[in-house]
Amino acid sequence: MTAKFGPAGSSEAFSKIYKKSSDMPKYLSEMGLDAFEYQCGQGVRVTEATGLALKSEAEKWGIKLSLHSPYFISLSSVEPEKRDKSIDYILQSCRAAKLIGADRIVIHSGSCAKITREYALELACDTLSRARQAAISEGYEDIHFCPETMGKVNQLGTLDEVLTLCKLDDTFLPTVDFGHLNARTFGAVNSREAFAEILDKIENELGSDRLKVFHSHFSKIEYTTPGGEKRHLTFEDTTYGPECEPLMELIAKRNLTPSFICESAGTQDIDALYMKQTYNNYLSGGNINEQI
């Protein structure tokens, strides 16, 4: 088993040729990729026909699927109605994930702009725990909840906060967005040492089993001080990080097998392929400059 790589949503190149999500698995397989994250950021609107078609094609072409739940989920809202609604959105995401054959849903943690980070995390833990119980009661116990590290400073979603959320249930996996972490630390997560520290912390807090198969997003992200994330970029950018090569080396040398979803702006398939090629080169013991 090796790490998986693929894009989040439809890239510019895909959209010029295809219209249906069920065309994605063949397209990605022919590129040499093996993962895809279906986007429900603006709401869960997956018809049975669309979902089953995507599932069938993903199985045919060997594409591992995950699903991004709605962006407007707020686990830490001070309004109980919004937290209850967020649980409903998570359940909708579970239903859609089951339909398309995905076993992971990525979940945004929420905001802590008007309350303390400690209270926001307390609310988020309660909401996510209740969502998990609701998911189990509806038969979605095989769907992994994947809380995501976030890029804006006022958002809940530091690495420590996400790991705390993941401790609520042994099936939860962290979505480590390295671009987000770099943005919210104003460029501090862009070295082999920084990447190694993150991997070590995941292992220390959640264990080696969950480290081995964690979920991840990766892209270069422009950021501002003191806000953090501003916008996603492509791998062609040379001003902002992070650079993927040191991380790919660590993943290969530590024999880890996460799913890497690239969120570059429009070139997410091309950049995902570069990540996979880089990883494979390190996996085979080569020097990156020899082949890439």
Protein backbone atom coordinates (compact mmCIF):
# COMPACT_ATOMS: atom_id res chain seq x y z
CA MET A 1 0.00 0.00 0.00
CA THR A 2 1.25 3.47 -0.87
CA ALA A 3 0.11 7.06 -0.38
CA LYS A 4 -2.74 8.26 -2.61
CA PHE A 5 -2.79 11.51 -4.59
CA GLY A 6 -5.49 13.46 -6.37
CA PRO A 7 -7.32 16.77 -6.72
CA ALA A 8 -10.09 18.50 -4.83
CA GLY A 9 -12.92 19.09 -7.30
CA SER A 10 -12.62 19.79 -11.01
CA SER A 11 -9.46 21.35 -12.39
CA GLU A 12 -9.36 23.80 -15.28
CA ALA A 13 -8.05 21.10 -17.62
CA PHE A 14 -10.81 18.64 -16.67
CA SER A 15 -13.57 21.25 -16.98
CA LYS A 16 -12.53 22.12 -20.54
CA ILE A 17 -13.22 18.57 -21.69
CA TYR A 18 -15.71 16.95 -19.32
CA LYS A 19 -18.97 17.90 -17.60
CA LYS A 20 -19.85 14.96 -15.34
CA SER A 21 -18.18 13.96 -12.09
CA SER A 22 -18.40 10.33 -13.21
CA ASP A 23 -15.86 11.17 -15.92
CA MET A 24 -13.30 12.08 -13.25
CA PRO A 25 -12.03 8.60 -12.24
CA LYS A 26 -11.01 7.63 -15.79
CA TYR A 27 -9.43 11.05 -16.34
CA LEU A 28 -7.40 10.80 -13.13
CA SER A 29 -6.37 7.19 -13.68
CA GLU A 30 -5.07 8.00 -17.14
CA MET A 31 -3.04 10.85 -15.61
CA GLY A 32 -1.55 8.47 -13.08
CA LEU A 33 -3.49 9.69 -10.03
CA ASP A 34 -5.49 7.57 -7.58
CA ALA A 35 -7.59 9.83 -5.32
CA PHE A 36 -10.36 12.41 -5.65
CA GLU A 37 -12.20 14.61 -3.17
CA TYR A 38 -15.80 15.35 -4.10
CA GLN A 39 -16.76 18.90 -3.15
CA CYS A 40 -19.96 19.64 -1.20
CA GLY A 41 -18.68 22.94 0.16
CA GLN A 42 -21.74 24.88 -0.97
CA GLY A 43 -24.18 22.20 0.16
CA VAL A 44 -24.82 18.48 -0.27
CA ARG A 45 -26.62 18.03 -3.57
CA VAL A 46 -25.67 14.58 -4.79
CA THR A 47 -28.41 12.75 -6.67
CA GLU A 48 -28.61 8.98 -6.49
CA ALA A 49 -27.82 8.67 -10.19
CA THR A 50 -24.76 10.92 -9.95
CA GLY A 51 -23.51 9.24 -6.79
CA LEU A 52 -23.85 5.70 -8.05
CA ALA A 53 -22.24 6.57 -11.38
CA LEU A 54 -19.23 8.12 -9.63
CA LYS A 55 -18.94 5.15 -7.27
CA SER A 56 -19.00 2.68 -10.14
CA GLU A 57 -16.37 4.54 -12.13
CA ALA A 58 -14.13 5.06 -9.09
CA GLU A 59 -14.20 1.33 -8.37
CA LYS A 60 -13.48 0.57 -12.03
CA TRP A 61 -10.49 2.88 -12.25
CA GLY A 62 -9.09 2.41 -8.73
CA ILE A 63 -9.73 5.93 -7.41
CA LYS A 64 -10.02 6.43 -3.64
CA LEU A 65 -12.81 8.90 -2.86
CA SER A 66 -13.32 11.34 -0.02
CA LEU A 67 -15.93 14.09 0.40
CA HIS A 68 -15.65 17.66 1.65
CA SER A 69 -18.63 18.61 3.78
CA PRO A 70 -20.26 22.08 3.58
CA TYR A 71 -18.10 25.08 4.43
CA PHE A 72 -20.85 26.60 6.55
CA ILE A 73 -20.62 23.91 9.21
CA SER A 74 -19.82 25.58 12.53
CA LEU A 75 -19.06 23.13 15.29
CA SER A 76 -18.27 25.97 17.66
CA SER A 77 -21.20 28.34 17.11
CA VAL A 78 -22.56 29.92 20.28
CA GLU A 79 -26.04 29.40 18.85
CA PRO A 80 -27.35 25.89 19.66
CA GLU A 81 -29.54 25.91 16.54
CA LYS A 82 -26.51 26.40 14.29
CA ARG A 83 -24.64 23.58 15.99
CA ASP A 84 -27.65 21.29 15.56
CA LYS A 85 -27.87 22.30 11.92
CA SER A 86 -24.18 21.51 11.54
CA ILE A 87 -24.87 17.99 12.79
CA ASP A 88 -27.52 17.68 10.08
CA TYR A 89 -25.03 18.86 7.44
CA ILE A 90 -22.57 16.22 8.65
CA LEU A 91 -25.25 13.53 8.37
CA GLN A 92 -26.07 14.74 4.86
CA SER A 93 -22.36 14.43 4.05
CA CYS A 94 -22.29 10.89 5.43
CA ARG A 95 -25.24 9.90 3.24
CA ALA A 96 -23.56 11.37 0.17
CA ALA A 97 -20.23 9.74 1.04
CA LYS A 98 -21.92 6.37 1.38
CA LEU A 99 -23.62 6.88 -1.98
CA ILE A 100 -20.41 7.65 -3.88
CA GLY A 101 -18.32 5.07 -2.04
CA ALA A 102 -16.19 7.46 0.02
CA ASP A 103 -15.13 6.52 3.54
CA ARG A 104 -13.87 9.96 4.69
CA ILE A 105 -15.61 13.31 5.13
CA VAL A 106 -13.59 16.47 5.73
CA ILE A 107 -15.14 18.80 8.30
CA HIS A 108 -14.36 22.46 9.02
CA SER A 109 -14.14 23.17 12.74
CA GLY A 110 -15.70 26.64 12.93
CA SER A 111 -14.76 30.05 14.25
CA CYS A 112 -13.60 31.39 17.59
CA ALA A 113 -13.60 35.09 16.70
CA LYS A 114 -16.07 36.16 19.40
CA ILE A 115 -15.25 33.64 22.12
CA THR A 116 -12.12 32.15 23.65
CA ARG A 117 -10.38 29.35 21.80
CA GLU A 118 -10.91 27.12 24.84
CA TYR A 119 -14.68 27.64 24.83
CA ALA A 120 -14.85 27.24 21.05
CA LEU A 121 -13.03 23.91 21.30
CA GLU A 122 -15.34 22.78 24.09
CA LEU A 123 -18.39 23.53 21.94
CA ALA A 124 -16.84 21.84 18.92
CA CYS A 125 -16.06 18.69 20.90
CA ASP A 126 -19.66 18.47 22.06
CA THR A 127 -21.06 19.04 18.55
CA LEU A 128 -18.75 16.53 16.88
CA SER A 129 -19.42 13.90 19.55
CA ARG A 130 -23.17 14.25 19.04
CA ALA A 131 -22.70 14.13 15.27
CA ARG A 132 -20.75 10.89 15.61
CA GLN A 133 -23.47 9.30 17.72
CA ALA A 134 -26.11 10.41 15.21
CA ALA A 135 -24.04 8.99 12.34
CA ILE A 136 -23.69 5.64 14.10
CA SER A 137 -27.43 5.51 14.76
CA GLU A 138 -28.07 6.00 11.05
CA GLY A 139 -25.62 3.30 10.00
CA TYR A 140 -22.62 5.42 9.01
CA GLU A 141 -20.15 4.03 11.53
CA ASP A 142 -17.74 3.19 8.70
CA ILE A 143 -17.42 6.84 7.63
CA HIS A 144 -14.33 8.53 9.08
CA PHE A 145 -14.79 12.09 10.33
CA CYS A 146 -11.72 14.14 9.33
CA PRO A 147 -11.56 17.52 11.13
CA GLU A 148 -9.41 19.97 9.17
CA THR A 149 -6.65 22.34 10.22
CA MET A 150 -7.62 25.83 9.09
CA GLY A 151 -5.73 28.74 7.53
CA LYS A 152 -7.20 31.84 9.16
CA VAL A 153 -5.98 32.77 12.61
CA ASN A 154 -9.48 33.44 13.96
CA GLN A 155 -10.69 29.99 12.90
CA LEU A 156 -10.71 26.98 15.17
CA GLY A 157 -8.26 24.54 13.63
CA THR A 158 -4.70 24.63 14.87
CA LEU A 159 -2.99 21.25 14.73
CA ASP A 160 -3.43 20.85 18.49
CA GLU A 161 -7.13 21.70 18.28
CA VAL A 162 -7.72 19.22 15.46
CA LEU A 163 -5.86 16.49 17.34
CA THR A 164 -8.05 17.18 20.39
CA LEU A 165 -11.14 16.72 18.21
CA CYS A 166 -9.71 13.49 16.83
CA LYS A 167 -9.27 12.10 20.34
CA LEU A 168 -13.06 12.05 20.71
CA ASP A 169 -13.29 8.83 18.71
CA ASP A 170 -10.73 6.27 17.56
CA THR A 171 -12.14 6.39 14.01
CA PHE A 172 -11.51 10.12 13.54
CA LEU A 173 -8.59 11.06 11.29
CA PRO A 174 -6.99 14.51 11.08
CA THR A 175 -7.12 16.42 7.82
CA VAL A 176 -3.73 18.09 7.99
CA ASP A 177 -3.77 20.98 5.55
CA PHE A 178 -0.11 21.94 5.35
CA GLY A 179 -0.89 25.06 3.34
CA HIS A 180 -3.34 26.21 5.99
CA LEU A 181 -0.86 25.58 8.78
CA ASN A 182 1.82 27.49 6.91
CA ALA A 183 -0.57 30.39 6.32
CA ARG A 184 -1.77 30.69 9.90
CA THR A 185 1.85 30.63 11.16
CA PHE A 186 2.96 33.15 8.51
CA GLY A 187 5.39 30.82 6.79
CA ALA A 188 6.65 28.71 9.69
CA VAL A 189 5.50 25.37 8.25
CA ASN A 190 7.76 25.14 5.23
CA SER A 191 10.73 22.97 6.10
CA ARG A 192 11.66 19.35 6.66
CA GLU A 193 11.97 20.05 10.37
CA ALA A 194 8.51 21.64 10.59
CA PHE A 195 6.90 18.79 8.65
CA ALA A 196 8.66 16.20 10.81
CA GLU A 197 7.45 17.93 13.98
CA ILE A 198 3.84 17.74 12.72
CA LEU A 199 4.11 14.05 11.87
CA ASP A 200 5.73 13.31 15.24
CA LYS A 201 2.96 15.15 17.07
CA ILE A 202 0.24 13.20 15.25
CA GLU A 203 1.93 9.94 16.20
CA ASN A 204 2.43 10.98 19.82
CA GLU A 205 -1.16 12.17 20.22
CA LEU A 206 -3.11 9.69 18.08
CA GLY A 207 -0.77 6.73 17.61
CA SER A 208 1.11 5.24 14.69
CA ASP A 209 -1.95 3.58 13.13
CA ARG A 210 -3.74 6.87 12.54
CA LEU A 211 -0.55 8.65 11.52
CA LYS A 212 0.01 6.04 8.82
CA VAL A 213 -3.33 6.74 7.09
CA PHE A 214 -4.09 10.38 7.96
CA HIS A 215 -5.89 12.64 5.49
CA SER A 216 -4.18 15.69 4.01
CA HIS A 217 -4.71 18.76 1.89
CA PHE A 218 -1.79 20.48 0.22
CA SER A 219 -1.42 23.70 -1.74
CA LYS A 220 0.57 26.89 -1.72
CA ILE A 221 -1.43 29.66 -0.04
CA GLU A 222 -0.97 33.42 0.06
CA TYR A 223 -1.35 34.83 3.55
CA THR A 224 -1.47 38.16 5.33
CA THR A 225 -0.42 39.32 8.78
CA PRO A 226 -2.17 39.01 11.17
CA GLY A 227 -5.13 37.31 9.44
CA GLY A 228 -3.53 34.26 7.86
CA GLU A 229 -4.91 32.61 4.72
CA LYS A 230 -5.85 34.89 1.81
CA ARG A 231 -6.06 32.73 -1.32
CA HIS A 232 -4.91 29.47 -2.85
CA LEU A 233 -2.11 29.56 -5.43
CA THR A 234 -0.47 27.05 -7.77
CA PHE A 235 2.87 25.27 -7.47
CA GLU A 236 4.33 27.81 -9.91
CA ASP A 237 4.27 30.44 -7.16
CA THR A 238 7.71 31.15 -5.71
CA THR A 239 6.75 33.67 -3.01
CA TYR A 240 4.60 31.63 -0.66
CA GLY A 241 4.89 28.05 0.51
CA PRO A 242 4.87 25.41 1.48
CA GLU A 243 7.09 23.36 -0.79
CA CYS A 244 6.04 19.73 -1.05
CA GLU A 245 9.40 18.04 -1.63
CA PRO A 246 10.62 17.75 1.99
CA LEU A 247 7.24 16.39 3.07
CA MET A 248 7.15 13.83 0.28
CA GLU A 249 10.59 12.62 1.34
CA LEU A 250 9.42 12.16 4.93
CA ILE A 251 6.24 10.36 3.90
CA ALA A 252 8.19 7.96 1.70
CA LYS A 253 10.99 7.30 4.19
CA ARG A 254 8.59 6.78 7.11
CA ASN A 255 6.47 4.37 5.04
CA LEU A 256 3.30 6.38 5.62
CA THR A 257 0.27 5.98 3.36
CA PRO A 258 -1.98 9.06 3.73
CA SER A 259 -4.32 10.46 1.11
CA PHE A 260 -3.02 13.75 -0.30
CA ILE A 261 -5.65 16.00 -1.86
CA CYS A 262 -4.24 18.94 -3.79
CA GLU A 263 -6.17 22.21 -3.59
CA SER A 264 -4.15 24.36 -5.98
CA ALA A 265 -6.11 27.06 -7.79
CA GLY A 266 -7.10 25.40 -11.06
CA THR A 267 -4.05 23.17 -11.44
CA GLN A 268 -4.87 20.78 -8.63
CA ASP A 269 -4.58 17.72 -10.87
CA ILE A 270 -1.22 18.74 -12.37
CA ASP A 271 0.22 19.66 -8.99
CA ALA A 272 -1.12 16.45 -7.41
CA LEU A 273 0.72 14.50 -10.08
CA TYR A 274 3.94 16.36 -9.31
CA MET A 275 3.50 15.44 -5.64
CA LYS A 276 2.97 11.78 -6.53
CA GLN A 277 5.98 11.70 -8.84
CA THR A 278 8.11 13.31 -6.15
CA TYR A 279 6.88 10.82 -3.55
CA ASN A 280 7.46 7.84 -5.87
CA ASN A 281 10.96 9.02 -6.61
CA TYR A 282 11.83 9.16 -2.91
CA LEU A 283 10.06 5.82 -2.41
CA SER A 284 12.39 4.22 -4.93
CA GLY A 285 15.40 5.70 -3.19
CA GLY A 286 16.21 8.25 -5.84
CA ASN A 287 17.31 11.85 -5.57
CA ILE A 288 14.61 14.29 -6.59
CA ASN A 289 16.91 16.12 -8.96
CA GLU A 290 17.55 12.92 -10.92
CA GLN A 291 14.03 12.57 -12.29
CA ILE A 292 11.97 15.65 -11.49
